[in-house]
Amino acid sequence: MLDKGQIKDWDGTPEGAEPKDAKTDIASMIMAPREALPTGERVILTPEQVHARKRRGQWMALALVAFVILVFVLTMSKVGGGVPERM
């Protein structure tokens, strides 16, 4: 796609194109960059919430390790199944 620097006498709008109003274009409203406004609020978790977050993290780590081991075992069983036949 060509940009402004590649075309001489380009005024920024293609021929026949009507400029869209940014306020009525839903895609531009969704994708428009917005800056976060600092509110000064902080979330302070209760000890129960901290404990629950830690437990969820541990269970997620355990599930990930179990999945990796499962994939490894299945891969080795598929690859390793044909090794004795070649000898």
PDB file of N, CA and C in Angstrom:
ATOM      1  N   MET A   1       0.843  -1.164   0.000  1.00  0.00           N
ATOM      2  CA  MET A   1       0.000   0.000   0.000  1.00  0.00           C
ATOM      3  C   MET A   1       0.892   1.232   0.000  1.00  0.00           C
ATOM      4  N   LEU A   2       0.505   2.219  -0.736  1.00  0.00           N
ATOM      5  CA  LEU A   2       1.290   3.436  -0.850  1.00  0.00           C
ATOM      6  C   LEU A   2       0.981   4.371   0.312  1.00  0.00           C
ATOM      7  N   ASP A   3       1.986   5.117   0.693  1.00  0.00           N
ATOM      8  CA  ASP A   3       1.755   6.112   1.730  1.00  0.00           C
ATOM      9  C   ASP A   3       1.997   7.507   1.162  1.00  0.00           C
ATOM     10  N   LYS A   4       1.818   8.492   1.989  1.00  0.00           N
ATOM     11  CA  LYS A   4       1.884   9.882   1.545  1.00  0.00           C
ATOM     12  C   LYS A   4       3.231  10.245   0.937  1.00  0.00           C
ATOM     13  N   GLY A   5       4.319   9.690   1.460  1.00  0.00           N
ATOM     14  CA  GLY A   5       5.653  10.021   0.959  1.00  0.00           C
ATOM     15  C   GLY A   5       5.946   9.455  -0.411  1.00  0.00           C
ATOM     16  N   GLN A   6       5.175   8.480  -0.872  1.00  0.00           N
ATOM     17  CA  GLN A   6       5.430   7.840  -2.154  1.00  0.00           C
ATOM     18  C   GLN A   6       4.660   8.482  -3.304  1.00  0.00           C
ATOM     19  N   ILE A   7       3.708   9.339  -3.014  1.00  0.00           N
ATOM     20  CA  ILE A   7       2.881   9.926  -4.057  1.00  0.00           C
ATOM     21  C   ILE A   7       3.033  11.442  -4.013  1.00  0.00           C
ATOM     22  N   LYS A   8       3.335  12.036  -5.169  1.00  0.00           N
ATOM     23  CA  LYS A   8       3.416  13.493  -5.253  1.00  0.00           C
ATOM     24  C   LYS A   8       1.999  14.061  -5.340  1.00  0.00           C
ATOM     25  N   ASP A   9       1.814  15.232  -4.838  1.00  0.00           N
ATOM     26  CA  ASP A   9       0.539  15.954  -4.880  1.00  0.00           C
ATOM     27  C   ASP A   9      -0.587  15.191  -4.193  1.00  0.00           C
ATOM     28  N   TRP A  10      -0.278  14.488  -3.159  1.00  0.00           N
ATOM     29  CA  TRP A  10      -1.314  13.733  -2.442  1.00  0.00           C
ATOM     30  C   TRP A  10      -1.835  14.587  -1.315  1.00  0.00           C
ATOM     31  N   ASP A  11      -3.148  14.757  -1.239  1.00  0.00           N
ATOM     32  CA  ASP A  11      -3.724  15.610  -0.210  1.00  0.00           C
ATOM     33  C   ASP A  11      -4.227  14.830   0.993  1.00  0.00           C
ATOM     34  N   GLY A  12      -4.113  13.514   0.984  1.00  0.00           N
ATOM     35  CA  GLY A  12      -4.477  12.725   2.144  1.00  0.00           C
ATOM     36  C   GLY A  12      -5.777  11.963   2.025  1.00  0.00           C
ATOM     37  N   THR A  13      -6.606  12.257   1.009  1.00  0.00           N
ATOM     38  CA  THR A  13      -7.847  11.510   0.855  1.00  0.00           C
ATOM     39  C   THR A  13      -7.899  10.904  -0.542  1.00  0.00           C
ATOM     40  N   PRO A  14      -8.250   9.633  -0.665  1.00  0.00           N
ATOM     41  CA  PRO A  14      -8.357   9.030  -1.986  1.00  0.00           C
ATOM     42  C   PRO A  14      -9.529   9.621  -2.768  1.00  0.00           C
ATOM     43  N   GLU A  15      -9.460   9.515  -4.084  1.00  0.00           N
ATOM     44  CA  GLU A  15     -10.526  10.049  -4.915  1.00  0.00           C
ATOM     45  C   GLU A  15     -11.804   9.266  -4.693  1.00  0.00           C
ATOM     46  N   GLY A  16     -12.897   9.954  -4.611  1.00  0.00           N
ATOM     47  CA  GLY A  16     -14.187   9.309  -4.470  1.00  0.00           C
ATOM     48  C   GLY A  16     -14.503   8.852  -3.053  1.00  0.00           C
ATOM     49  N   ALA A  17     -13.567   8.936  -2.152  1.00  0.00           N
ATOM     50  CA  ALA A  17     -13.810   8.484  -0.775  1.00  0.00           C
ATOM     51  C   ALA A  17     -14.352   9.642   0.043  1.00  0.00           C
ATOM     52  N   GLU A  18     -15.372   9.328   0.795  1.00  0.00           N
ATOM     53  CA  GLU A  18     -15.946  10.346   1.674  1.00  0.00           C
ATOM     54  C   GLU A  18     -15.366  10.144   3.068  1.00  0.00           C
ATOM     55  N   PRO A  19     -14.877  11.181   3.706  1.00  0.00           N
ATOM     56  CA  PRO A  19     -14.328  11.008   5.055  1.00  0.00           C
ATOM     57  C   PRO A  19     -15.423  10.591   6.029  1.00  0.00           C
ATOM     58  N   LYS A  20     -15.097   9.619   6.870  1.00  0.00           N
ATOM     59  CA  LYS A  20     -16.054   9.133   7.862  1.00  0.00           C
ATOM     60  C   LYS A  20     -15.951   9.973   9.121  1.00  0.00           C
ATOM     61  N   ASP A  21     -17.074  10.160   9.745  1.00  0.00           N
ATOM     62  CA  ASP A  21     -17.092  10.843  11.022  1.00  0.00           C
ATOM     63  C   ASP A  21     -16.593   9.858  12.077  1.00  0.00           C
ATOM     64  N   ALA A  22     -15.569  10.217  12.817  1.00  0.00           N
ATOM     65  CA  ALA A  22     -14.963   9.305  13.788  1.00  0.00           C
ATOM     66  C   ALA A  22     -15.933   8.917  14.891  1.00  0.00           C
ATOM     67  N   LYS A  23     -16.886   9.773  15.188  1.00  0.00           N
ATOM     68  CA  LYS A  23     -17.820   9.482  16.270  1.00  0.00           C
ATOM     69  C   LYS A  23     -18.878   8.460  15.860  1.00  0.00           C
ATOM     70  N   THR A  24     -19.147   8.334  14.583  1.00  0.00           N
ATOM     71  CA  THR A  24     -20.165   7.387  14.137  1.00  0.00           C
ATOM     72  C   THR A  24     -19.556   6.067  13.684  1.00  0.00           C
ATOM     73  N   ASP A  25     -18.255   6.020  13.493  1.00  0.00           N
ATOM     74  CA  ASP A  25     -17.602   4.796  13.049  1.00  0.00           C
ATOM     75  C   ASP A  25     -17.304   3.919  14.267  1.00  0.00           C
ATOM     76  N   ILE A  26     -17.980   2.782  14.391  1.00  0.00           N
ATOM     77  CA  ILE A  26     -17.861   1.924  15.565  1.00  0.00           C
ATOM     78  C   ILE A  26     -16.445   1.359  15.696  1.00  0.00           C
ATOM     79  N   ALA A  27     -15.849   0.960  14.576  1.00  0.00           N
ATOM     80  CA  ALA A  27     -14.506   0.379  14.630  1.00  0.00           C
ATOM     81  C   ALA A  27     -13.495   1.380  15.181  1.00  0.00           C
ATOM     82  N   SER A  28     -13.605   2.625  14.774  1.00  0.00           N
ATOM     83  CA  SER A  28     -12.663   3.616  15.282  1.00  0.00           C
ATOM     84  C   SER A  28     -12.913   3.914  16.754  1.00  0.00           C
ATOM     85  N   MET A  29     -14.170   3.799  17.182  1.00  0.00           N
ATOM     86  CA  MET A  29     -14.461   4.014  18.595  1.00  0.00           C
ATOM     87  C   MET A  29     -13.870   2.899  19.447  1.00  0.00           C
ATOM     88  N   ILE A  30     -13.919   1.664  18.941  1.00  0.00           N
ATOM     89  CA  ILE A  30     -13.405   0.536  19.700  1.00  0.00           C
ATOM     90  C   ILE A  30     -11.879   0.530  19.701  1.00  0.00           C
ATOM     91  N   MET A  31     -11.286   0.794  18.553  1.00  0.00           N
ATOM     92  CA  MET A  31      -9.844   0.675  18.405  1.00  0.00           C
ATOM     93  C   MET A  31      -9.079   1.956  18.727  1.00  0.00           C
ATOM     94  N   ALA A  32      -9.766   3.037  19.049  1.00  0.00           N
ATOM     95  CA  ALA A  32      -9.104   4.299  19.324  1.00  0.00           C
ATOM     96  C   ALA A  32      -8.250   4.176  20.591  1.00  0.00           C
ATOM     97  N   PRO A  33      -7.026   4.671  20.527  1.00  0.00           N
ATOM     98  CA  PRO A  33      -6.193   4.601  21.728  1.00  0.00           C
ATOM     99  C   PRO A  33      -6.703   5.559  22.794  1.00  0.00           C
ATOM    100  N   ARG A  34      -6.779   5.051  23.989  1.00  0.00           N
ATOM    101  CA  ARG A  34      -7.212   5.873  25.122  1.00  0.00           C
ATOM    102  C   ARG A  34      -6.179   5.735  26.226  1.00  0.00           C
ATOM    103  N   GLU A  35      -5.960   6.803  26.913  1.00  0.00           N
ATOM    104  CA  GLU A  35      -4.992   6.793  27.990  1.00  0.00           C
ATOM    105  C   GLU A  35      -5.719   6.542  29.304  1.00  0.00           C
ATOM    106  N   ALA A  36      -5.118   5.725  30.139  1.00  0.00           N
ATOM    107  CA  ALA A  36      -5.715   5.431  31.439  1.00  0.00           C
ATOM    108  C   ALA A  36      -5.610   6.656  32.338  1.00  0.00           C
ATOM    109  N   LEU A  37      -6.647   6.876  33.089  1.00  0.00           N
ATOM    110  CA  LEU A  37      -6.648   7.996  34.015  1.00  0.00           C
ATOM    111  C   LEU A  37      -6.287   7.497  35.407  1.00  0.00           C
ATOM    112  N   PRO A  38      -5.250   8.058  36.002  1.00  0.00           N
ATOM    113  CA  PRO A  38      -4.888   7.607  37.346  1.00  0.00           C
ATOM    114  C   PRO A  38      -5.938   8.054  38.356  1.00  0.00           C
ATOM    115  N   THR A  39      -6.420   7.104  39.131  1.00  0.00           N
ATOM    116  CA  THR A  39      -7.432   7.429  40.138  1.00  0.00           C
ATOM    117  C   THR A  39      -6.862   7.408  41.543  1.00  0.00           C
ATOM    118  N   GLY A  40      -5.693   6.810  41.710  1.00  0.00           N
ATOM    119  CA  GLY A  40      -5.094   6.731  43.022  1.00  0.00           C
ATOM    120  C   GLY A  40      -5.619   5.574  43.848  1.00  0.00           C
ATOM    121  N   GLU A  41      -6.538   4.802  43.289  1.00  0.00           N
ATOM    122  CA  GLU A  41      -7.096   3.670  44.025  1.00  0.00           C
ATOM    123  C   GLU A  41      -6.172   2.472  43.937  1.00  0.00           C
ATOM    124  N   ARG A  42      -6.083   1.740  44.993  1.00  0.00           N
ATOM    125  CA  ARG A  42      -5.293   0.515  45.047  1.00  0.00           C
ATOM    126  C   ARG A  42      -6.180  -0.611  45.517  1.00  0.00           C
ATOM    127  N   VAL A  43      -5.964  -1.791  44.958  1.00  0.00           N
ATOM    128  CA  VAL A  43      -6.712  -2.962  45.390  1.00  0.00           C
ATOM    129  C   VAL A  43      -5.885  -3.661  46.455  1.00  0.00           C
ATOM    130  N   ILE A  44      -6.457  -3.821  47.604  1.00  0.00           N
ATOM    131  CA  ILE A  44      -5.786  -4.520  48.698  1.00  0.00           C
ATOM    132  C   ILE A  44      -6.546  -5.809  48.931  1.00  0.00           C
ATOM    133  N   LEU A  45      -5.861  -6.923  48.713  1.00  0.00           N
ATOM    134  CA  LEU A  45      -6.497  -8.218  48.860  1.00  0.00           C
ATOM    135  C   LEU A  45      -6.508  -8.654  50.318  1.00  0.00           C
ATOM    136  N   THR A  46      -7.559  -9.353  50.686  1.00  0.00           N
ATOM    137  CA  THR A  46      -7.632  -9.927  52.025  1.00  0.00           C
ATOM    138  C   THR A  46      -6.732 -11.155  52.071  1.00  0.00           C
ATOM    139  N   PRO A  47      -6.340 -11.608  53.253  1.00  0.00           N
ATOM    140  CA  PRO A  47      -5.507 -12.821  53.329  1.00  0.00           C
ATOM    141  C   PRO A  47      -6.160 -14.033  52.676  1.00  0.00           C
ATOM    142  N   GLU A  48      -7.479 -14.131  52.728  1.00  0.00           N
ATOM    143  CA  GLU A  48      -8.170 -15.243  52.072  1.00  0.00           C
ATOM    144  C   GLU A  48      -8.025 -15.160  50.553  1.00  0.00           C
ATOM    145  N   GLN A  49      -8.112 -13.944  50.010  1.00  0.00           N
ATOM    146  CA  GLN A  49      -7.967 -13.761  48.573  1.00  0.00           C
ATOM    147  C   GLN A  49      -6.543 -14.053  48.120  1.00  0.00           C
ATOM    148  N   VAL A  50      -5.569 -13.653  48.924  1.00  0.00           N
ATOM    149  CA  VAL A  50      -4.167 -13.945  48.601  1.00  0.00           C
ATOM    150  C   VAL A  50      -3.942 -15.454  48.591  1.00  0.00           C
ATOM    151  N   HIS A  51      -4.488 -16.133  49.588  1.00  0.00           N
ATOM    152  CA  HIS A  51      -4.352 -17.583  49.676  1.00  0.00           C
ATOM    153  C   HIS A  51      -5.029 -18.265  48.478  1.00  0.00           C
ATOM    154  N   ALA A  52      -6.223 -17.793  48.106  1.00  0.00           N
ATOM    155  CA  ALA A  52      -6.940 -18.369  46.966  1.00  0.00           C
ATOM    156  C   ALA A  52      -6.176 -18.137  45.672  1.00  0.00           C
ATOM    157  N   ARG A  53      -5.588 -16.956  45.503  1.00  0.00           N
ATOM    158  CA  ARG A  53      -4.805 -16.672  44.300  1.00  0.00           C
ATOM    159  C   ARG A  53      -3.591 -17.594  44.222  1.00  0.00           C
ATOM    160  N   LYS A  54      -2.931 -17.788  45.347  1.00  0.00           N
ATOM    161  CA  LYS A  54      -1.752 -18.666  45.387  1.00  0.00           C
ATOM    162  C   LYS A  54      -2.137 -20.102  45.031  1.00  0.00           C
ATOM    163  N   ARG A  55      -3.257 -20.573  45.580  1.00  0.00           N
ATOM    164  CA  ARG A  55      -3.713 -21.944  45.294  1.00  0.00           C
ATOM    165  C   ARG A  55      -4.075 -22.105  43.816  1.00  0.00           C
ATOM    166  N   ARG A  56      -4.745 -21.104  43.239  1.00  0.00           N
ATOM    167  CA  ARG A  56      -5.080 -21.174  41.810  1.00  0.00           C
ATOM    168  C   ARG A  56      -3.824 -21.247  40.970  1.00  0.00           C
ATOM    169  N   GLY A  57      -2.822 -20.468  41.324  1.00  0.00           N
ATOM    170  CA  GLY A  57      -1.557 -20.500  40.596  1.00  0.00           C
ATOM    171  C   GLY A  57      -0.877 -21.850  40.695  1.00  0.00           C
ATOM    172  N   GLN A  58      -0.918 -22.442  41.876  1.00  0.00           N
ATOM    173  CA  GLN A  58      -0.312 -23.757  42.048  1.00  0.00           C
ATOM    174  C   GLN A  58      -1.044 -24.816  41.234  1.00  0.00           C
ATOM    175  N   TRP A  59      -2.369 -24.770  41.212  1.00  0.00           N
ATOM    176  CA  TRP A  59      -3.133 -25.734  40.434  1.00  0.00           C
ATOM    177  C   TRP A  59      -2.900 -25.546  38.936  1.00  0.00           C
ATOM    178  N   MET A  60      -2.775 -24.309  38.497  1.00  0.00           N
ATOM    179  CA  MET A  60      -2.500 -24.051  37.082  1.00  0.00           C
ATOM    180  C   MET A  60      -1.119 -24.569  36.699  1.00  0.00           C
ATOM    181  N   ALA A  61      -0.143 -24.389  37.576  1.00  0.00           N
ATOM    182  CA  ALA A  61       1.199 -24.901  37.311  1.00  0.00           C
ATOM    183  C   ALA A  61       1.185 -26.427  37.254  1.00  0.00           C
ATOM    184  N   LEU A  62       0.465 -27.052  38.167  1.00  0.00           N
ATOM    185  CA  LEU A  62       0.366 -28.503  38.178  1.00  0.00           C
ATOM    186  C   LEU A  62      -0.320 -29.014  36.910  1.00  0.00           C
ATOM    187  N   ALA A  63      -1.375 -28.352  36.485  1.00  0.00           N
ATOM    188  CA  ALA A  63      -2.076 -28.751  35.261  1.00  0.00           C
ATOM    189  C   ALA A  63      -1.176 -28.598  34.040  1.00  0.00           C
ATOM    190  N   LEU A  64      -0.390 -27.533  33.997  1.00  0.00           N
ATOM    191  CA  LEU A  64       0.526 -27.321  32.882  1.00  0.00           C
ATOM    192  C   LEU A  64       1.597 -28.406  32.839  1.00  0.00           C
ATOM    193  N   VAL A  65       2.165 -28.740  33.983  1.00  0.00           N
ATOM    194  CA  VAL A  65       3.196 -29.792  34.043  1.00  0.00           C
ATOM    195  C   VAL A  65       2.589 -31.136  33.626  1.00  0.00           C
ATOM    196  N   ALA A  66       1.373 -31.427  34.091  1.00  0.00           N
ATOM    197  CA  ALA A  66       0.716 -32.678  33.723  1.00  0.00           C
ATOM    198  C   ALA A  66       0.453 -32.738  32.217  1.00  0.00           C
ATOM    199  N   PHE A  67       0.050 -31.629  31.627  1.00  0.00           N
ATOM    200  CA  PHE A  67      -0.180 -31.592  30.186  1.00  0.00           C
ATOM    201  C   PHE A  67       1.106 -31.824  29.409  1.00  0.00           C
ATOM    202  N   VAL A  68       2.190 -31.190  29.831  1.00  0.00           N
ATOM    203  CA  VAL A  68       3.483 -31.374  29.155  1.00  0.00           C
ATOM    204  C   VAL A  68       3.920 -32.824  29.253  1.00  0.00           C
ATOM    205  N   ILE A  69       3.772 -33.434  30.415  1.00  0.00           N
ATOM    206  CA  ILE A  69       4.153 -34.846  30.584  1.00  0.00           C
ATOM    207  C   ILE A  69       3.275 -35.733  29.696  1.00  0.00           C
ATOM    208  N   LEU A  70       1.980 -35.456  29.632  1.00  0.00           N
ATOM    209  CA  LEU A  70       1.075 -36.234  28.793  1.00  0.00           C
ATOM    210  C   LEU A  70       1.479 -36.147  27.324  1.00  0.00           C
ATOM    211  N   VAL A  71       1.767 -34.952  26.843  1.00  0.00           N
ATOM    212  CA  VAL A  71       2.188 -34.786  25.451  1.00  0.00           C
ATOM    213  C   VAL A  71       3.499 -35.515  25.201  1.00  0.00           C
ATOM    214  N   PHE A  72       4.430 -35.433  26.135  1.00  0.00           N
ATOM    215  CA  PHE A  72       5.713 -36.122  25.983  1.00  0.00           C
ATOM    216  C   PHE A  72       5.515 -37.626  25.908  1.00  0.00           C
ATOM    217  N   VAL A  73       4.707 -38.180  26.816  1.00  0.00           N
ATOM    218  CA  VAL A  73       4.474 -39.627  26.844  1.00  0.00           C
ATOM    219  C   VAL A  73       3.788 -40.088  25.557  1.00  0.00           C
ATOM    220  N   LEU A  74       2.783 -39.343  25.108  1.00  0.00           N
ATOM    221  CA  LEU A  74       2.097 -39.719  23.873  1.00  0.00           C
ATOM    222  C   LEU A  74       3.023 -39.633  22.670  1.00  0.00           C
ATOM    223  N   THR A  75       3.857 -38.629  22.616  1.00  0.00           N
ATOM    224  CA  THR A  75       4.799 -38.490  21.507  1.00  0.00           C
ATOM    225  C   THR A  75       5.814 -39.622  21.513  1.00  0.00           C
ATOM    226  N   MET A  76       6.344 -39.946  22.676  1.00  0.00           N
ATOM    227  CA  MET A  76       7.325 -41.024  22.755  1.00  0.00           C
ATOM    228  C   MET A  76       6.698 -42.383  22.440  1.00  0.00           C
ATOM    229  N   SER A  77       5.437 -42.567  22.797  1.00  0.00           N
ATOM    230  CA  SER A  77       4.791 -43.842  22.476  1.00  0.00           C
ATOM    231  C   SER A  77       4.563 -43.971  20.973  1.00  0.00           C
ATOM    232  N   LYS A  78       4.253 -42.872  20.301  1.00  0.00           N
ATOM    233  CA  LYS A  78       4.079 -42.907  18.843  1.00  0.00           C
ATOM    234  C   LYS A  78       5.417 -43.095  18.140  1.00  0.00           C
ATOM    235  N   VAL A  79       6.435 -42.366  18.570  1.00  0.00           N
ATOM    236  CA  VAL A  79       7.747 -42.440  17.934  1.00  0.00           C
ATOM    237  C   VAL A  79       8.443 -43.737  18.318  1.00  0.00           C
ATOM    238  N   GLY A  80       8.373 -44.089  19.565  1.00  0.00           N
ATOM    239  CA  GLY A  80       9.090 -45.259  20.053  1.00  0.00           C
ATOM    240  C   GLY A  80       8.458 -46.586  19.670  1.00  0.00           C
ATOM    241  N   GLY A  81       7.241 -46.583  19.205  1.00  0.00           N
ATOM    242  CA  GLY A  81       6.564 -47.824  18.856  1.00  0.00           C
ATOM    243  C   GLY A  81       7.190 -48.524  17.653  1.00  0.00           C
ATOM    244  N   GLY A  82       7.765 -47.803  16.717  1.00  0.00           N
ATOM    245  CA  GLY A  82       8.327 -48.394  15.509  1.00  0.00           C
ATOM    246  C   GLY A  82       9.801 -48.674  15.596  1.00  0.00           C
ATOM    247  N   VAL A  83      10.463 -48.367  16.681  1.00  0.00           N
ATOM    248  CA  VAL A  83      11.906 -48.550  16.777  1.00  0.00           C
ATOM    249  C   VAL A  83      12.320 -50.026  16.753  1.00  0.00           C
ATOM    250  N   PRO A  84      11.686 -50.939  17.499  1.00  0.00           N
ATOM    251  CA  PRO A  84      12.124 -52.348  17.441  1.00  0.00           C
ATOM    252  C   PRO A  84      11.916 -53.001  16.078  1.00  0.00           C
ATOM    253  N   GLU A  85      10.986 -52.535  15.269  1.00  0.00           N
ATOM    254  CA  GLU A  85      10.728 -53.127  13.973  1.00  0.00           C
ATOM    255  C   GLU A  85      11.846 -52.857  12.990  1.00  0.00           C
ATOM    256  N   ARG A  86      12.563 -51.766  13.125  1.00  0.00           N
ATOM    257  CA  ARG A  86      13.637 -51.410  12.204  1.00  0.00           C
ATOM    258  C   ARG A  86      14.882 -52.244  12.440  1.00  0.00           C
ATOM    259  N   MET A  87      15.078 -52.773  13.615  1.00  0.00           N
ATOM    260  CA  MET A  87      16.314 -53.497  13.918  1.00  0.00           C
ATOM    261  C   MET A  87      16.315 -54.864  13.388  1.00  0.00           C
TER     262      MET A  87
END
